[in-house]
């Protein structure tokens, strides 16, 4: 390998982890390649910019770029336009990367004849306290279990996707040429821009690959408030994404919406007395909820990490709340401007 790789990292209020993320960028073993690190910040209101500037003063290959529009796709596009490398690594700010992450992705790109490769994403439930990673709280453990469960986020999530050719890559390394052919990220999508971009890559007959030869540690929100907000916003933008590029979305993105719509319709029918047998209607309503909770219990019983009676009994209700919030977000997305 020879040449330059551009690492692009969009940020907004990432003070808790940005130092560790930047250090993992600097630790990348690239053989005879070199790197430039472009941090595109959405005018953070915490210490993110201060931390990045301290790195910028110390390392000549780190540069802070302003993103006044604040939204992620704007930041990514600014980074791509500024990038000089023949490879572009779109790496998230709330993630810490193995020291051979970029190199292995580039090697796998050549081996698999792909234009984009990502590594295995491991969701970490460690609590973040200022700039330290501490032992998980019980709330953080449950958040991690929801976000790594195939029932919680489906088997097609970037957290659960298997090794091999894929229709989606998260925290990927691309050949720069793909952006000249496919175009940049869709700035009208504040979320799901990855789905939209990956679909356009596949549509242009390029291959994407997910390798387990390297990995990164992804740190999502470790509070219930945080992951329920995440679920709502993802659901909301699923509705918008369907209108923007329906081919980029899959049926699993709308299962929570179908679940919520079913409960609402059944509840309205019951209240309005539209069913001849109101007792049967109530029984069906209870059955749907009970079926979800029992399915959640089944998946709870299969967990290996943080396996306690409290977690097993809590998860079914948290799965229900997570899916309902997600589906409610999609419902709102369909009916809001």
Foldseek 3Di string as FASTA:
>chain_A
DEWEEEEEEEDAQLQLAQVLQVVLVVLADQPHYYYAYEYEYCPHPDCVVVSQVVVVVVDVRYDYHYDPVRFDQSRQVVSLVPDDTQKYFHAYRQKHWDNHQQVVLVVVCVVVVFFKEGEAEAEDLFDGDRHDTHRHDPLSVLVNLLVQFCLNQNCLDSNNDDWFWDLFHDRMMGRSVLCVVQNGFDPVQSPPSRLVSSNSCVVVVGIYTYYHPTYMYGYADSHLVRLLVVLLQLLLSVLVVCVVPVSSDDPSLQPLLVLLVVLVVLVVCLVVVVDVDSVVSVVVSVVSLVVQLVVQLVSLVPDDPPNDPVSSNPRSVSSVSSSNSNSVSNVVNNVDD
